[in-house]
C-alpha atoms as a PDB file:
ATOM      1  CA  MET A   1      91.015 134.510 132.041  1.00  0.00           C
ATOM      2  CA  ASP A   2      94.117 133.332 133.797  1.00  0.00           C
ATOM      3  CA  TYR A   3      93.536 130.787 136.587  1.00  0.00           C
ATOM      4  CA  TRP A   4      96.047 132.441 138.898  1.00  0.00           C
ATOM      5  CA  LEU A   5      94.476 135.873 138.431  1.00  0.00           C
ATOM      6  CA  TYR A   6      91.017 134.454 139.137  1.00  0.00           C
ATOM      7  CA  LYS A   7      92.219 132.580 142.212  1.00  0.00           C
ATOM      8  CA  VAL A   8      94.014 135.562 143.716  1.00  0.00           C
ATOM      9  CA  THR A   9      91.145 137.935 142.963  1.00  0.00           C
ATOM     10  CA  SER A  10      88.445 135.625 144.310  1.00  0.00           C
ATOM     11  CA  ASP A  11      90.501 134.852 147.424  1.00  0.00           C
ATOM     12  CA  LYS A  12      91.006 138.566 148.092  1.00  0.00           C
ATOM     13  CA  VAL A  13      87.332 139.395 147.554  1.00  0.00           C
ATOM     14  CA  TRP A  14      86.358 136.530 149.857  1.00  0.00           C
ATOM     15  CA  THR A  15      88.922 137.588 152.467  1.00  0.00           C
ATOM     16  CA  TRP A  16      87.905 141.249 152.428  1.00  0.00           C
ATOM     17  CA  SER A  17      84.232 140.372 152.707  1.00  0.00           C
ATOM     18  CA  GLN A  18      84.738 138.289 155.848  1.00  0.00           C
ATOM     19  CA  PRO A  19      85.298 139.768 159.309  1.00  0.00           C
ATOM     20  CA  THR A  20      88.418 137.762 160.177  1.00  0.00           C
ATOM     21  CA  LEU A  21      91.767 138.523 161.687  1.00  0.00           C
ATOM     22  CA  LEU A  22      94.646 138.923 159.258  1.00  0.00           C
ATOM     23  CA  VAL A  23      96.453 135.912 160.735  1.00  0.00           C
ATOM     24  CA  GLN A  24      93.452 133.696 159.956  1.00  0.00           C
ATOM     25  CA  ASN A  25      93.083 134.718 156.300  1.00  0.00           C
ATOM     26  CA  TYR A  26      94.972 131.718 154.932  1.00  0.00           C
ATOM     27  CA  ARG A  27      92.001 129.558 155.924  1.00  0.00           C
ATOM     28  CA  THR A  28      89.825 131.375 153.380  1.00  0.00           C
ATOM     29  CA  HIS A  29      91.788 130.166 150.325  1.00  0.00           C
ATOM     30  CA  TYR A  30      89.978 127.502 148.308  1.00  0.00           C
ATOM     31  CA  TYR A  31      92.770 124.988 148.893  1.00  0.00           C
ATOM     32  CA  GLN A  32      92.608 125.451 152.668  1.00  0.00           C
ATOM     33  CA  ARG A  33      88.820 125.439 152.685  1.00  0.00           C
ATOM     34  CA  LEU A  34      88.761 122.065 150.907  1.00  0.00           C
ATOM     35  CA  VAL A  35      91.468 120.586 153.126  1.00  0.00           C
ATOM     36  CA  LEU A  36      89.671 121.788 156.255  1.00  0.00           C
ATOM     37  CA  SER A  37      86.469 120.261 154.848  1.00  0.00           C
ATOM     38  CA  GLY A  38      88.073 116.838 154.880  1.00  0.00           C
ATOM     39  CA  TRP A  39      89.298 116.447 151.313  1.00  0.00           C
ATOM     40  CA  GLY A  40      92.981 116.314 152.205  1.00  0.00           C
ATOM     41  CA  HIS A  41      96.033 117.368 150.231  1.00  0.00           C
ATOM     42  CA  ARG A  42      96.122 114.232 148.033  1.00  0.00           C
ATOM     43  CA  LYS A  43      92.595 114.863 146.782  1.00  0.00           C
ATOM     44  CA  VAL A  44      92.807 118.654 146.364  1.00  0.00           C
ATOM     45  CA  VAL A  45      96.080 118.853 144.431  1.00  0.00           C
ATOM     46  CA  PRO A  46      95.035 116.659 141.461  1.00  0.00           C
ATOM     47  CA  ALA A  47      91.769 118.611 141.213  1.00  0.00           C
ATOM     48  CA  GLU A  48      93.673 121.908 141.101  1.00  0.00           C
ATOM     49  CA  TYR A  49      96.097 120.527 138.512  1.00  0.00           C
ATOM     50  CA  ALA A  50      93.137 119.465 136.365  1.00  0.00           C
ATOM     51  CA  VAL A  51      91.646 122.962 136.559  1.00  0.00           C
ATOM     52  CA  MET A  52      95.019 124.514 135.670  1.00  0.00           C
ATOM     53  CA  ALA A  53      95.450 122.137 132.696  1.00  0.00           C
ATOM     54  CA  LEU A  54      91.956 122.981 131.419  1.00  0.00           C
ATOM     55  CA  CYS A  55      92.682 126.657 131.864  1.00  0.00           C
ATOM     56  CA  GLY A  56      95.906 126.273 129.869  1.00  0.00           C
ATOM     57  CA  GLY A  57      94.056 124.495 127.085  1.00  0.00           C
ATOM     58  CA  PHE A  58      91.401 127.162 126.926  1.00  0.00           C
ATOM     59  CA  ALA A  59      94.093 129.871 126.994  1.00  0.00           C
ATOM     60  CA  LEU A  60      95.676 128.328 123.892  1.00  0.00           C
ATOM     61  CA  PHE A  61      92.266 128.094 122.239  1.00  0.00           C
ATOM     62  CA  TYR A  62      91.562 131.727 123.186  1.00  0.00           C
ATOM     63  CA  GLN A  63      94.851 132.884 121.683  1.00  0.00           C
ATOM     64  CA  TYR A  64      94.005 131.524 118.233  1.00  0.00           C
ATOM     65  CA  ALA A  65      90.225 132.003 118.290  1.00  0.00           C
ATOM     66  CA  SER A  66      88.180 134.651 116.522  1.00  0.00           C
ATOM     67  CA  GLU A  67      86.539 137.445 118.507  1.00  0.00           C
ATOM     68  CA  GLU A  68      83.225 135.607 118.724  1.00  0.00           C
ATOM     69  CA  TRP A  69      84.864 132.464 120.119  1.00  0.00           C
ATOM     70  CA  ARG A  70      86.910 134.510 122.575  1.00  0.00           C
ATOM     71  CA  LEU A  71      83.682 135.752 124.128  1.00  0.00           C
ATOM     72  CA  VAL A  72      82.447 132.159 124.338  1.00  0.00           C
ATOM     73  CA  VAL A  73      85.681 131.087 126.056  1.00  0.00           C
ATOM     74  CA  LEU A  74      85.488 133.933 128.585  1.00  0.00           C
ATOM     75  CA  GLY A  75      81.828 133.275 129.304  1.00  0.00           C
ATOM     76  CA  THR A  76      82.452 129.552 129.692  1.00  0.00           C
ATOM     77  CA  TRP A  77      85.312 130.080 132.112  1.00  0.00           C
ATOM     78  CA  GLY A  78      83.270 132.579 134.093  1.00  0.00           C
ATOM     79  CA  MET A  79      80.579 129.925 134.531  1.00  0.00           C
ATOM     80  CA  VAL A  80      83.169 127.218 135.290  1.00  0.00           C
ATOM     81  CA  PHE A  81      84.826 129.274 138.012  1.00  0.00           C
ATOM     82  CA  LEU A  82      81.481 130.253 139.520  1.00  0.00           C
ATOM     83  CA  SER A  83      80.503 126.572 139.536  1.00  0.00           C
ATOM     84  CA  LEU A  84      83.783 125.619 141.199  1.00  0.00           C
ATOM     85  CA  ALA A  85      83.314 128.285 143.873  1.00  0.00           C
ATOM     86  CA  LEU A  86      79.799 126.999 144.556  1.00  0.00           C
ATOM     87  CA  ALA A  87      81.109 123.420 144.638  1.00  0.00           C
ATOM     88  CA  VAL A  88      83.631 124.354 147.332  1.00  0.00           C
ATOM     89  CA  LYS A  89      80.814 125.991 149.287  1.00  0.00           C
ATOM     90  CA  GLY A  90      78.772 122.789 148.890  1.00  0.00           C
ATOM     91  CA  VAL A  91      81.644 120.642 150.166  1.00  0.00           C
ATOM     92  CA  GLU A  92      81.954 122.899 153.197  1.00  0.00           C
ATOM     93  CA  GLN A  93      78.231 122.667 153.937  1.00  0.00           C
ATOM     94  CA  ARG A  94      78.282 118.863 153.873  1.00  0.00           C
ATOM     95  CA  ILE A  95      80.525 118.728 156.937  1.00  0.00           C
ATOM     96  CA  GLN A  96      78.653 117.133 159.808  1.00  0.00           C
ATOM     97  CA  PRO A  97      79.203 118.900 163.144  1.00  0.00           C
ATOM     98  CA  VAL A  98      80.921 116.813 165.792  1.00  0.00           C
ATOM     99  CA  ALA A  99      78.537 115.905 168.586  1.00  0.00           C
ATOM    100  CA  SER A 100      79.638 117.146 171.993  1.00  0.00           C
END
């Protein structure tokens, strides 16, 4: 599964499932959610590059793999992306509210 396709699809599903204004939708992207959670650009970008590099490696493996291994690759990436989505949710939940 292509990383870009997953990212766009998951962002759209997330956006459509949330009752937000269209001008606020950019805050629902995983990059923005991590930055707003305190990670910052310098921490998020290398993590995204690592995911893209792994995805590229698995795409090459998928291209030359047998049918059985292709199913393994797809299943593995499905679990990886689900884990990453849950990890972003976990980072967001660790934010301590500012005392007023």
